[in-house]
Amino acid sequence: MTETSIPRAEQSLDEEETATLAVDGDDTETDDDGAVDDDTEADDTDTAAGGRVKKAVSEGDLFRQSEIAADYVEGLLDILDYDGDIDELVAAGRPMVEVVGERLQNLVGQRGATLEALQELTRLAVFRQTGTPSRLLLDVGGYRANRRKELAAVAKNAVEKVKEYGEPVRLEAMSAFERKCVHDVVNAMSGVASESEGVEPNRRIVVRPAD
């Protein structure tokens, strides 16, 4: 099995995220604090029979979540004495908050670790006000858009190796957001499939020949 590393993201402070996020069902766990993995399809509710049903969230509710999140992020920026323009929106059926400005690198951190932590805090703030687990996506300085492009290249490279050698390629550990980006690319290509293995923070993707 081939091991493939992921390059570290280079930051662009000008480029806004424009790609939408398609959804699959790779990770479906919802935490007690209202956090939801980035690659879940929807908020689920247990049924009496023990199954799970999709709980629809209206466009208005999603935008309300983005407004709550934007207020929370604005408060954080004030406390940290950072300047940035904050946009709240709904895209691909999920609330989003984008922070655009200069000198925001410290809010992203290495491989987006700080950004992921801020996103979870923001989701928790939304959950506390609404009582609904949120799939909010937080971006700072266009990091996620840039990272998505890099991960697309990683996924395509893995697919090429799988097709050339006929053996699975095991990628290094990724966040749920990163795994989602790779799954989207692999699932759009013929002759290959992808699956996640392991547990956080060492959960990773294996790209293999399709059955």
N, C-alpha and C. Protein backbone atom coordinates (compact mmCIF):
# COMPACT_ATOMS: atom_id res chain seq x y z
N MET A 1 0.85 -1.19 0.00
CA MET A 1 0.00 0.00 0.00
C MET A 1 0.88 1.23 0.00
N THR A 2 0.57 2.21 -0.83
CA THR A 2 1.39 3.39 -0.98
C THR A 2 0.96 4.47 0.00
N GLU A 3 1.93 5.14 0.59
CA GLU A 3 1.65 6.25 1.51
C GLU A 3 1.86 7.56 0.77
N THR A 4 0.88 8.44 0.82
CA THR A 4 0.97 9.72 0.14
C THR A 4 0.82 10.85 1.13
N SER A 5 1.75 11.81 1.12
CA SER A 5 1.71 12.94 2.03
C SER A 5 0.91 14.07 1.43
N ILE A 6 0.44 14.96 2.30
CA ILE A 6 -0.34 16.11 1.88
C ILE A 6 0.51 17.36 2.04
N PRO A 7 0.65 18.19 1.01
CA PRO A 7 1.46 19.39 1.15
C PRO A 7 0.81 20.39 2.08
N ARG A 8 1.60 21.19 2.74
CA ARG A 8 1.09 22.23 3.63
C ARG A 8 0.50 23.36 2.80
N ALA A 9 -0.61 23.93 3.29
CA ALA A 9 -1.31 24.94 2.51
C ALA A 9 -0.55 26.26 2.52
N GLU A 10 -0.52 26.94 1.34
CA GLU A 10 -0.02 28.29 1.25
C GLU A 10 -1.21 29.22 1.33
N GLN A 11 -1.12 30.30 2.11
CA GLN A 11 -2.27 31.14 2.38
C GLN A 11 -2.44 32.22 1.32
N SER A 12 -3.67 32.48 0.90
CA SER A 12 -4.01 33.62 0.08
C SER A 12 -5.05 34.42 0.83
N LEU A 13 -4.79 35.70 1.09
CA LEU A 13 -5.69 36.51 1.89
C LEU A 13 -6.73 37.21 1.03
N ASP A 14 -6.65 37.08 -0.28
CA ASP A 14 -7.55 37.79 -1.17
C ASP A 14 -8.64 36.92 -1.75
N GLU A 15 -8.34 35.63 -1.94
CA GLU A 15 -9.27 34.75 -2.65
C GLU A 15 -10.37 34.28 -1.73
N GLU A 16 -11.62 34.53 -2.11
CA GLU A 16 -12.75 34.07 -1.33
C GLU A 16 -13.14 32.68 -1.77
N GLU A 17 -13.74 31.96 -0.86
CA GLU A 17 -14.16 30.60 -1.20
C GLU A 17 -15.37 30.66 -2.10
N THR A 18 -15.27 29.99 -3.26
CA THR A 18 -16.36 29.99 -4.22
C THR A 18 -16.90 28.60 -4.49
N ALA A 19 -16.10 27.60 -4.18
CA ALA A 19 -16.55 26.23 -4.46
C ALA A 19 -17.61 25.82 -3.46
N THR A 20 -18.64 25.13 -3.90
CA THR A 20 -19.64 24.61 -2.99
C THR A 20 -19.21 23.26 -2.49
N LEU A 21 -19.82 22.85 -1.37
CA LEU A 21 -19.42 21.61 -0.74
C LEU A 21 -20.50 20.57 -0.97
N ALA A 22 -20.23 19.58 -1.81
CA ALA A 22 -21.15 18.46 -1.96
C ALA A 22 -21.12 17.64 -0.70
N VAL A 23 -22.11 16.75 -0.52
CA VAL A 23 -22.26 16.07 0.75
C VAL A 23 -22.28 14.57 0.56
N ASP A 24 -21.55 13.84 1.44
CA ASP A 24 -21.70 12.40 1.45
C ASP A 24 -21.91 11.96 2.88
N GLY A 25 -21.96 10.66 3.13
CA GLY A 25 -22.28 10.17 4.45
C GLY A 25 -21.13 9.47 5.11
N ASP A 26 -19.91 9.97 4.96
CA ASP A 26 -18.75 9.27 5.51
C ASP A 26 -18.77 9.22 7.02
N ASP A 27 -18.93 10.37 7.65
CA ASP A 27 -18.94 10.43 9.10
C ASP A 27 -20.29 10.96 9.55
N THR A 28 -20.98 10.23 10.39
CA THR A 28 -22.33 10.63 10.75
C THR A 28 -22.52 10.82 12.24
N GLU A 29 -21.45 10.83 13.01
CA GLU A 29 -21.56 11.03 14.43
C GLU A 29 -21.85 12.49 14.76
N THR A 30 -22.75 12.74 15.69
CA THR A 30 -23.01 14.08 16.19
C THR A 30 -22.64 14.12 17.66
N ASP A 31 -21.80 15.07 18.05
CA ASP A 31 -21.36 15.16 19.43
C ASP A 31 -22.43 15.76 20.32
N ASP A 32 -22.31 15.51 21.62
CA ASP A 32 -23.27 16.04 22.56
C ASP A 32 -23.26 17.56 22.61
N ASP A 33 -22.13 18.19 22.22
CA ASP A 33 -22.06 19.64 22.29
C ASP A 33 -22.58 20.32 21.02
N GLY A 34 -23.14 19.54 20.13
CA GLY A 34 -23.74 20.12 18.93
C GLY A 34 -22.82 20.16 17.74
N ALA A 35 -21.59 19.68 17.86
CA ALA A 35 -20.68 19.69 16.73
C ALA A 35 -21.00 18.54 15.80
N VAL A 36 -20.87 18.79 14.50
CA VAL A 36 -21.17 17.78 13.50
C VAL A 36 -20.00 17.71 12.54
N ASP A 37 -19.60 16.50 12.15
CA ASP A 37 -18.51 16.35 11.20
C ASP A 37 -18.83 17.07 9.90
N ASP A 38 -17.80 17.59 9.23
CA ASP A 38 -17.99 18.36 8.01
C ASP A 38 -18.55 17.53 6.88
N ASP A 39 -18.38 16.22 6.90
CA ASP A 39 -18.86 15.44 5.77
C ASP A 39 -20.15 14.70 6.07
N THR A 40 -20.90 15.15 7.07
CA THR A 40 -22.22 14.57 7.29
C THR A 40 -23.20 15.20 6.32
N GLU A 41 -24.25 14.45 6.02
CA GLU A 41 -25.20 14.93 5.01
C GLU A 41 -26.24 15.85 5.61
N ALA A 42 -26.69 15.56 6.83
CA ALA A 42 -27.74 16.39 7.43
C ALA A 42 -27.80 16.09 8.90
N ASP A 43 -28.52 16.95 9.63
CA ASP A 43 -28.74 16.67 11.03
C ASP A 43 -29.73 15.52 11.14
N ASP A 44 -29.40 14.53 11.97
CA ASP A 44 -30.23 13.34 12.09
C ASP A 44 -30.98 13.34 13.41
N THR A 45 -32.13 12.68 13.41
CA THR A 45 -32.90 12.52 14.63
C THR A 45 -33.23 11.05 14.79
N ASP A 46 -33.04 10.50 16.01
CA ASP A 46 -33.36 9.10 16.25
C ASP A 46 -34.86 8.88 16.17
N THR A 47 -35.27 7.76 15.60
CA THR A 47 -36.67 7.39 15.58
C THR A 47 -36.94 6.38 16.68
N ALA A 48 -38.19 6.16 16.95
CA ALA A 48 -38.55 5.22 18.00
C ALA A 48 -38.09 3.82 17.66
N ALA A 49 -37.99 3.53 16.37
CA ALA A 49 -37.59 2.19 15.95
C ALA A 49 -36.08 2.02 15.96
N GLY A 50 -35.38 3.07 16.34
CA GLY A 50 -33.93 2.96 16.41
C GLY A 50 -33.22 3.39 15.16
N GLY A 51 -33.99 3.76 14.11
CA GLY A 51 -33.37 4.24 12.89
C GLY A 51 -33.08 5.72 12.99
N ARG A 52 -32.68 6.33 11.85
CA ARG A 52 -32.40 7.75 11.85
C ARG A 52 -33.10 8.38 10.66
N VAL A 53 -33.68 9.54 10.89
CA VAL A 53 -34.35 10.26 9.82
C VAL A 53 -33.71 11.62 9.68
N LYS A 54 -33.77 12.18 8.47
CA LYS A 54 -33.22 13.48 8.22
C LYS A 54 -34.15 14.56 8.77
N LYS A 55 -33.61 15.51 9.52
CA LYS A 55 -34.39 16.61 10.04
C LYS A 55 -34.13 17.83 9.17
N ALA A 56 -35.14 18.25 8.42
CA ALA A 56 -34.97 19.35 7.50
C ALA A 56 -34.78 20.66 8.26
N VAL A 57 -33.88 21.48 7.77
CA VAL A 57 -33.65 22.80 8.34
C VAL A 57 -33.94 23.82 7.25
N SER A 58 -34.80 24.80 7.55
CA SER A 58 -35.20 25.77 6.55
C SER A 58 -34.08 26.73 6.21
N GLU A 59 -34.20 27.37 5.06
CA GLU A 59 -33.21 28.36 4.64
C GLU A 59 -33.10 29.49 5.66
N GLY A 60 -34.26 29.89 6.20
CA GLY A 60 -34.25 30.95 7.20
C GLY A 60 -33.50 30.53 8.46
N ASP A 61 -33.69 29.28 8.89
CA ASP A 61 -32.99 28.78 10.08
C ASP A 61 -31.49 28.72 9.83
N LEU A 62 -31.10 28.31 8.62
CA LEU A 62 -29.69 28.24 8.30
C LEU A 62 -29.05 29.63 8.31
N PHE A 63 -29.77 30.60 7.75
CA PHE A 63 -29.22 31.96 7.75
C PHE A 63 -29.15 32.52 9.16
N ARG A 64 -30.12 32.17 10.00
CA ARG A 64 -30.08 32.59 11.40
C ARG A 64 -28.84 32.02 12.08
N GLN A 65 -28.51 30.76 11.76
CA GLN A 65 -27.30 30.17 12.32
C GLN A 65 -26.05 30.95 11.88
N SER A 66 -26.02 31.34 10.62
CA SER A 66 -24.86 32.09 10.13
C SER A 66 -24.78 33.46 10.80
N GLU A 67 -25.92 34.08 11.10
CA GLU A 67 -25.91 35.37 11.79
C GLU A 67 -25.39 35.24 13.21
N ILE A 68 -25.85 34.21 13.90
CA ILE A 68 -25.37 33.96 15.27
C ILE A 68 -23.87 33.72 15.25
N ALA A 69 -23.43 32.91 14.29
CA ALA A 69 -22.01 32.61 14.18
C ALA A 69 -21.20 33.86 13.87
N ALA A 70 -21.70 34.70 12.97
CA ALA A 70 -20.99 35.92 12.61
C ALA A 70 -20.84 36.84 13.82
N ASP A 71 -21.88 36.96 14.63
CA ASP A 71 -21.81 37.77 15.84
C ASP A 71 -20.77 37.22 16.81
N TYR A 72 -20.74 35.91 16.92
CA TYR A 72 -19.77 35.28 17.83
C TYR A 72 -18.34 35.51 17.34
N VAL A 73 -18.12 35.31 16.03
CA VAL A 73 -16.79 35.51 15.47
C VAL A 73 -16.36 36.96 15.59
N GLU A 74 -17.30 37.89 15.38
CA GLU A 74 -16.97 39.30 15.53
C GLU A 74 -16.51 39.62 16.95
N GLY A 75 -17.18 39.01 17.94
CA GLY A 75 -16.77 39.20 19.32
C GLY A 75 -15.38 38.66 19.58
N LEU A 76 -15.07 37.50 18.98
CA LEU A 76 -13.73 36.94 19.14
C LEU A 76 -12.66 37.85 18.53
N LEU A 77 -12.96 38.38 17.35
CA LEU A 77 -12.00 39.27 16.70
C LEU A 77 -11.75 40.52 17.53
N ASP A 78 -12.81 41.04 18.15
CA ASP A 78 -12.65 42.22 19.01
C ASP A 78 -11.76 41.90 20.20
N ILE A 79 -12.00 40.75 20.81
CA ILE A 79 -11.20 40.35 21.97
C ILE A 79 -9.73 40.17 21.59
N LEU A 80 -9.50 39.57 20.42
CA LEU A 80 -8.13 39.29 19.96
C LEU A 80 -7.49 40.48 19.26
N ASP A 81 -8.27 41.56 19.06
CA ASP A 81 -7.79 42.77 18.39
C ASP A 81 -7.34 42.47 16.97
N TYR A 82 -8.17 41.73 16.22
CA TYR A 82 -7.94 41.46 14.81
C TYR A 82 -8.98 42.21 13.99
N ASP A 83 -8.56 42.70 12.83
CA ASP A 83 -9.48 43.36 11.91
C ASP A 83 -9.84 42.42 10.78
N GLY A 84 -11.11 42.38 10.42
CA GLY A 84 -11.53 41.54 9.31
C GLY A 84 -12.97 41.81 8.95
N ASP A 85 -13.28 41.68 7.67
CA ASP A 85 -14.66 41.80 7.21
C ASP A 85 -15.33 40.44 7.34
N ILE A 86 -16.54 40.43 7.90
CA ILE A 86 -17.24 39.17 8.16
C ILE A 86 -18.48 39.09 7.28
N ASP A 87 -18.58 38.02 6.52
CA ASP A 87 -19.75 37.77 5.68
C ASP A 87 -20.46 36.52 6.16
N GLU A 88 -21.78 36.62 6.31
CA GLU A 88 -22.56 35.43 6.64
C GLU A 88 -23.45 35.10 5.45
N LEU A 89 -23.56 33.80 5.15
CA LEU A 89 -24.33 33.36 4.00
C LEU A 89 -24.74 31.90 4.18
N VAL A 90 -25.55 31.43 3.26
CA VAL A 90 -25.93 30.03 3.20
C VAL A 90 -25.54 29.51 1.82
N ALA A 91 -24.77 28.44 1.77
CA ALA A 91 -24.32 27.88 0.50
C ALA A 91 -24.33 26.37 0.60
N ALA A 92 -24.79 25.71 -0.45
CA ALA A 92 -24.84 24.24 -0.51
C ALA A 92 -25.61 23.67 0.68
N GLY A 93 -26.63 24.39 1.12
CA GLY A 93 -27.47 23.88 2.18
C GLY A 93 -26.85 23.91 3.57
N ARG A 94 -25.87 24.79 3.77
CA ARG A 94 -25.27 24.90 5.10
C ARG A 94 -24.90 26.35 5.37
N PRO A 95 -24.96 26.76 6.65
CA PRO A 95 -24.57 28.12 6.99
C PRO A 95 -23.06 28.30 6.89
N MET A 96 -22.63 29.50 6.49
CA MET A 96 -21.21 29.77 6.34
C MET A 96 -20.89 31.16 6.88
N VAL A 97 -19.69 31.30 7.41
CA VAL A 97 -19.16 32.60 7.80
C VAL A 97 -17.75 32.70 7.24
N GLU A 98 -17.48 33.79 6.54
CA GLU A 98 -16.16 34.01 5.96
C GLU A 98 -15.56 35.28 6.54
N VAL A 99 -14.33 35.18 6.97
CA VAL A 99 -13.59 36.33 7.50
C VAL A 99 -12.50 36.68 6.50
N VAL A 100 -12.53 37.89 6.00
CA VAL A 100 -11.58 38.33 4.99
C VAL A 100 -10.81 39.53 5.53
N GLY A 101 -9.50 39.50 5.39
CA GLY A 101 -8.68 40.60 5.86
C GLY A 101 -7.21 40.25 5.83
N GLU A 102 -6.40 41.12 6.38
CA GLU A 102 -4.96 40.90 6.42
C GLU A 102 -4.53 40.43 7.79
N ARG A 103 -3.36 39.82 7.83
CA ARG A 103 -2.75 39.37 9.09
C ARG A 103 -3.69 38.46 9.89
N LEU A 104 -4.29 37.49 9.20
CA LEU A 104 -5.21 36.55 9.85
C LEU A 104 -4.61 35.16 10.01
N GLN A 105 -3.33 35.00 9.63
CA GLN A 105 -2.70 33.68 9.63
C GLN A 105 -2.81 32.99 10.99
N ASN A 106 -2.68 33.76 12.07
CA ASN A 106 -2.73 33.14 13.40
C ASN A 106 -4.09 32.53 13.71
N LEU A 107 -5.12 32.97 13.00
CA LEU A 107 -6.46 32.40 13.20
C LEU A 107 -6.64 31.11 12.40
N VAL A 108 -5.71 30.82 11.52
CA VAL A 108 -5.75 29.59 10.73
C VAL A 108 -4.90 28.51 11.37
N GLY A 109 -3.66 28.87 11.73
CA GLY A 109 -2.77 27.91 12.37
C GLY A 109 -2.19 26.90 11.40
N GLN A 110 -1.35 26.03 11.91
CA GLN A 110 -0.71 25.02 11.08
C GLN A 110 -1.73 24.00 10.59
N ARG A 111 -1.76 23.82 9.27
CA ARG A 111 -2.70 22.88 8.63
C ARG A 111 -4.14 23.16 9.04
N GLY A 112 -4.44 24.43 9.38
CA GLY A 112 -5.81 24.81 9.69
C GLY A 112 -6.29 24.36 11.06
N ALA A 113 -5.37 23.99 11.95
CA ALA A 113 -5.77 23.46 13.26
C ALA A 113 -6.50 24.51 14.10
N THR A 114 -6.00 25.74 14.09
CA THR A 114 -6.65 26.79 14.86
C THR A 114 -8.02 27.11 14.28
N LEU A 115 -8.11 27.14 12.95
CA LEU A 115 -9.39 27.39 12.29
C LEU A 115 -10.42 26.33 12.66
N GLU A 116 -10.00 25.06 12.68
CA GLU A 116 -10.93 23.98 13.05
C GLU A 116 -11.43 24.17 14.48
N ALA A 117 -10.53 24.58 15.38
CA ALA A 117 -10.93 24.79 16.77
C ALA A 117 -11.92 25.96 16.87
N LEU A 118 -11.65 27.04 16.15
CA LEU A 118 -12.55 28.19 16.15
C LEU A 118 -13.91 27.81 15.56
N GLN A 119 -13.90 26.97 14.54
CA GLN A 119 -15.15 26.53 13.95
C GLN A 119 -15.99 25.74 14.95
N GLU A 120 -15.35 24.86 15.73
CA GLU A 120 -16.09 24.09 16.71
C GLU A 120 -16.66 24.98 17.82
N LEU A 121 -15.87 25.98 18.23
CA LEU A 121 -16.37 26.93 19.23
C LEU A 121 -17.57 27.71 18.70
N THR A 122 -17.49 28.09 17.43
CA THR A 122 -18.58 28.83 16.81
C THR A 122 -19.83 27.97 16.66
N ARG A 123 -19.64 26.71 16.28
CA ARG A 123 -20.78 25.79 16.21
C ARG A 123 -21.43 25.60 17.57
N LEU A 124 -20.60 25.55 18.60
CA LEU A 124 -21.13 25.41 19.96
C LEU A 124 -21.94 26.63 20.35
N ALA A 125 -21.48 27.82 19.97
CA ALA A 125 -22.22 29.05 20.26
C ALA A 125 -23.59 29.03 19.57
N VAL A 126 -23.62 28.53 18.33
CA VAL A 126 -24.89 28.42 17.61
C VAL A 126 -25.81 27.41 18.30
N PHE A 127 -25.24 26.29 18.69
CA PHE A 127 -26.04 25.24 19.35
C PHE A 127 -26.65 25.74 20.64
N ARG A 128 -25.89 26.52 21.40
CA ARG A 128 -26.39 27.02 22.68
C ARG A 128 -27.57 27.98 22.51
N GLN A 129 -27.60 28.69 21.38
CA GLN A 129 -28.70 29.62 21.15
C GLN A 129 -29.90 28.98 20.47
N THR A 130 -29.64 27.98 19.64
CA THR A 130 -30.73 27.39 18.86
C THR A 130 -31.16 26.01 19.34
N GLY A 131 -30.26 25.31 20.03
CA GLY A 131 -30.55 23.94 20.44
C GLY A 131 -30.44 22.95 19.30
N THR A 132 -29.93 23.40 18.15
CA THR A 132 -29.81 22.55 16.97
C THR A 132 -28.35 22.37 16.59
N PRO A 133 -27.88 21.13 16.42
CA PRO A 133 -26.50 20.93 15.95
C PRO A 133 -26.29 21.62 14.60
N SER A 134 -25.19 22.31 14.46
CA SER A 134 -24.95 23.11 13.26
C SER A 134 -23.82 22.52 12.41
N ARG A 135 -24.00 22.59 11.10
CA ARG A 135 -22.97 22.20 10.15
C ARG A 135 -22.25 23.43 9.61
N LEU A 136 -22.23 24.49 10.40
CA LEU A 136 -21.61 25.73 10.00
C LEU A 136 -20.19 25.53 9.49
N LEU A 137 -19.86 26.21 8.41
CA LEU A 137 -18.50 26.19 7.87
C LEU A 137 -17.89 27.57 8.06
N LEU A 138 -16.78 27.63 8.78
CA LEU A 138 -16.06 28.88 9.01
C LEU A 138 -14.80 28.90 8.16
N ASP A 139 -14.59 30.01 7.46
CA ASP A 139 -13.37 30.16 6.69
C ASP A 139 -12.70 31.48 7.06
N VAL A 140 -11.38 31.49 7.04
CA VAL A 140 -10.60 32.68 7.36
C VAL A 140 -9.56 32.88 6.26
N GLY A 141 -9.57 34.07 5.66
CA GLY A 141 -8.57 34.40 4.66
C GLY A 141 -8.56 33.49 3.44
N GLY A 142 -9.68 32.89 3.13
CA GLY A 142 -9.75 32.00 1.96
C GLY A 142 -9.00 30.70 2.13
N TYR A 143 -8.70 30.31 3.38
CA TYR A 143 -7.90 29.10 3.60
C TYR A 143 -8.57 27.87 3.03
N ARG A 144 -9.85 27.70 3.26
CA ARG A 144 -10.50 26.45 2.84
C ARG A 144 -10.56 26.34 1.32
N ALA A 145 -10.77 27.45 0.63
CA ALA A 145 -10.78 27.41 -0.83
C ALA A 145 -9.42 26.97 -1.36
N ASN A 146 -8.35 27.53 -0.79
CA ASN A 146 -7.00 27.15 -1.21
C ASN A 146 -6.71 25.70 -0.86
N ARG A 147 -7.12 25.29 0.32
CA ARG A 147 -6.86 23.91 0.76
C ARG A 147 -7.62 22.91 -0.10
N ARG A 148 -8.84 23.29 -0.50
CA ARG A 148 -9.62 22.39 -1.34
C ARG A 148 -8.92 22.13 -2.67
N LYS A 149 -8.29 23.17 -3.23
CA LYS A 149 -7.55 22.99 -4.49
C LYS A 149 -6.36 22.05 -4.29
N GLU A 150 -5.63 22.23 -3.19
CA GLU A 150 -4.48 21.37 -2.92
C GLU A 150 -4.91 19.92 -2.74
N LEU A 151 -6.01 19.72 -2.02
CA LEU A 151 -6.47 18.36 -1.76
C LEU A 151 -7.00 17.70 -3.03
N ALA A 152 -7.55 18.51 -3.93
CA ALA A 152 -7.99 17.96 -5.22
C ALA A 152 -6.79 17.38 -5.97
N ALA A 153 -5.66 18.10 -5.90
CA ALA A 153 -4.44 17.61 -6.56
C ALA A 153 -3.94 16.33 -5.89
N VAL A 154 -4.00 16.29 -4.56
CA VAL A 154 -3.59 15.08 -3.82
C VAL A 154 -4.46 13.89 -4.22
N ALA A 155 -5.78 14.12 -4.28
CA ALA A 155 -6.70 13.04 -4.62
C ALA A 155 -6.45 12.52 -6.04
N LYS A 156 -6.24 13.43 -6.99
CA LYS A 156 -5.99 13.02 -8.37
C LYS A 156 -4.69 12.24 -8.49
N ASN A 157 -3.69 12.66 -7.74
CA ASN A 157 -2.42 11.94 -7.75
C ASN A 157 -2.59 10.52 -7.21
N ALA A 158 -3.37 10.39 -6.13
CA ALA A 158 -3.63 9.07 -5.56
C ALA A 158 -4.39 8.19 -6.55
N VAL A 159 -5.37 8.77 -7.23
CA VAL A 159 -6.14 8.02 -8.22
C VAL A 159 -5.23 7.52 -9.34
N GLU A 160 -4.33 8.37 -9.80
CA GLU A 160 -3.39 7.96 -10.87
C GLU A 160 -2.54 6.77 -10.43
N LYS A 161 -2.08 6.80 -9.17
CA LYS A 161 -1.26 5.69 -8.67
C LYS A 161 -2.07 4.41 -8.56
N VAL A 162 -3.30 4.54 -8.12
CA VAL A 162 -4.16 3.35 -8.00
C VAL A 162 -4.39 2.73 -9.37
N LYS A 163 -4.67 3.55 -10.36
CA LYS A 163 -4.93 3.05 -11.70
C LYS A 163 -3.66 2.47 -12.34
N GLU A 164 -2.51 3.05 -12.00
CA GLU A 164 -1.26 2.58 -12.60
C GLU A 164 -0.79 1.27 -11.99
N TYR A 165 -0.88 1.17 -10.66
CA TYR A 165 -0.32 0.00 -9.99
C TYR A 165 -1.38 -1.00 -9.50
N GLY A 166 -2.64 -0.58 -9.48
CA GLY A 166 -3.71 -1.48 -9.05
C GLY A 166 -3.71 -1.79 -7.57
N GLU A 167 -3.04 -0.96 -6.78
CA GLU A 167 -2.97 -1.17 -5.33
C GLU A 167 -3.56 0.03 -4.60
N PRO A 168 -4.12 -0.19 -3.40
CA PRO A 168 -4.67 0.92 -2.63
C PRO A 168 -3.59 1.93 -2.26
N VAL A 169 -3.98 3.18 -2.17
CA VAL A 169 -3.11 4.27 -1.72
C VAL A 169 -3.69 4.83 -0.44
N ARG A 170 -2.87 4.85 0.58
CA ARG A 170 -3.31 5.31 1.91
C ARG A 170 -2.77 6.71 2.14
N LEU A 171 -3.66 7.67 2.31
CA LEU A 171 -3.27 9.06 2.54
C LEU A 171 -3.00 9.30 4.02
N GLU A 172 -2.32 10.39 4.31
CA GLU A 172 -2.04 10.68 5.71
C GLU A 172 -3.29 11.22 6.41
N ALA A 173 -3.25 11.28 7.73
CA ALA A 173 -4.41 11.68 8.52
C ALA A 173 -4.89 13.07 8.12
N MET A 174 -6.21 13.23 8.10
CA MET A 174 -6.82 14.50 7.71
C MET A 174 -7.97 14.84 8.65
N SER A 175 -8.35 16.10 8.62
CA SER A 175 -9.55 16.54 9.32
C SER A 175 -10.77 16.10 8.52
N ALA A 176 -11.95 16.21 9.13
CA ALA A 176 -13.18 15.84 8.42
C ALA A 176 -13.36 16.69 7.17
N PHE A 177 -13.07 17.97 7.25
CA PHE A 177 -13.17 18.85 6.08
C PHE A 177 -12.25 18.37 4.97
N GLU A 178 -11.02 18.02 5.30
CA GLU A 178 -10.07 17.57 4.29
C GLU A 178 -10.50 16.25 3.68
N ARG A 179 -10.99 15.33 4.51
CA ARG A 179 -11.46 14.05 3.98
C ARG A 179 -12.62 14.26 3.02
N LYS A 180 -13.51 15.18 3.36
CA LYS A 180 -14.65 15.45 2.51
C LYS A 180 -14.19 15.93 1.13
N CYS A 181 -13.20 16.81 1.11
CA CYS A 181 -12.69 17.31 -0.17
C CYS A 181 -12.13 16.19 -1.02
N VAL A 182 -11.39 15.27 -0.42
CA VAL A 182 -10.79 14.15 -1.16
C VAL A 182 -11.87 13.19 -1.64
N HIS A 183 -12.83 12.85 -0.77
CA HIS A 183 -13.92 11.95 -1.18
C HIS A 183 -14.65 12.50 -2.40
N ASP A 184 -14.92 13.81 -2.41
CA ASP A 184 -15.65 14.41 -3.52
C ASP A 184 -14.93 14.19 -4.85
N VAL A 185 -13.61 14.38 -4.84
CA VAL A 185 -12.83 14.23 -6.07
C VAL A 185 -12.79 12.78 -6.51
N VAL A 186 -12.49 11.88 -5.58
CA VAL A 186 -12.37 10.46 -5.92
C VAL A 186 -13.71 9.90 -6.41
N ASN A 187 -14.79 10.27 -5.72
CA ASN A 187 -16.10 9.73 -6.09
C ASN A 187 -16.56 10.20 -7.45
N ALA A 188 -15.97 11.28 -7.96
CA ALA A 188 -16.35 11.78 -9.28
C ALA A 188 -15.56 11.11 -10.40
N MET A 189 -14.65 10.19 -10.05
CA MET A 189 -13.81 9.54 -11.05
C MET A 189 -14.15 8.05 -11.14
N SER A 190 -14.05 7.51 -12.32
CA SER A 190 -14.42 6.11 -12.54
C SER A 190 -13.26 5.18 -12.21
N GLY A 191 -13.62 3.96 -11.81
CA GLY A 191 -12.62 2.93 -11.59
C GLY A 191 -11.95 2.94 -10.24
N VAL A 192 -12.31 3.91 -9.39
CA VAL A 192 -11.71 4.00 -8.06
C VAL A 192 -12.79 4.30 -7.02
N ALA A 193 -12.45 4.03 -5.77
CA ALA A 193 -13.35 4.32 -4.66
C ALA A 193 -12.50 4.77 -3.48
N SER A 194 -13.13 5.44 -2.53
CA SER A 194 -12.41 5.89 -1.34
C SER A 194 -13.21 5.55 -0.09
N GLU A 195 -12.50 5.32 0.99
CA GLU A 195 -13.14 5.04 2.27
C GLU A 195 -12.25 5.58 3.38
N SER A 196 -12.88 5.92 4.50
CA SER A 196 -12.14 6.42 5.64
C SER A 196 -11.87 5.29 6.61
N GLU A 197 -10.74 5.37 7.30
CA GLU A 197 -10.39 4.37 8.30
C GLU A 197 -9.74 5.05 9.49
N GLY A 198 -9.77 4.38 10.65
CA GLY A 198 -9.14 4.91 11.84
C GLY A 198 -10.06 5.84 12.61
N VAL A 199 -9.54 6.37 13.70
CA VAL A 199 -10.30 7.27 14.56
C VAL A 199 -9.56 8.59 14.67
N GLU A 200 -10.31 9.65 14.97
CA GLU A 200 -9.71 10.96 15.13
C GLU A 200 -8.69 10.94 16.28
N PRO A 201 -7.59 11.66 16.17
CA PRO A 201 -7.23 12.57 15.08
C PRO A 201 -6.43 11.89 13.96
N ASN A 202 -6.43 10.56 13.96
CA ASN A 202 -5.64 9.82 12.97
C ASN A 202 -6.50 9.17 11.89
N ARG A 203 -7.70 9.69 11.69
CA ARG A 203 -8.58 9.15 10.67
C ARG A 203 -8.07 9.58 9.30
N ARG A 204 -8.02 8.65 8.35
CA ARG A 204 -7.45 8.94 7.04
C ARG A 204 -8.24 8.24 5.94
N ILE A 205 -7.89 8.53 4.71
CA ILE A 205 -8.59 7.98 3.55
C ILE A 205 -7.71 6.96 2.84
N VAL A 206 -8.35 5.88 2.38
CA VAL A 206 -7.70 4.90 1.53
C VAL A 206 -8.40 4.95 0.17
N VAL A 207 -7.63 5.20 -0.88
CA VAL A 207 -8.15 5.19 -2.25
C VAL A 207 -7.79 3.83 -2.85
N ARG A 208 -8.77 3.14 -3.40
CA ARG A 208 -8.55 1.77 -3.88
C ARG A 208 -9.28 1.56 -5.21
N PRO A 209 -8.91 0.49 -5.92
CA PRO A 209 -9.67 0.16 -7.14
C PRO A 209 -11.12 -0.13 -6.81
N ALA A 210 -12.02 0.31 -7.64
CA ALA A 210 -13.44 0.05 -7.42
C ALA A 210 -13.73 -1.43 -7.62
N ASP A 211 -14.69 -1.93 -6.85
CA ASP A 211 -15.08 -3.33 -6.96
C ASP A 211 -15.77 -3.61 -8.30
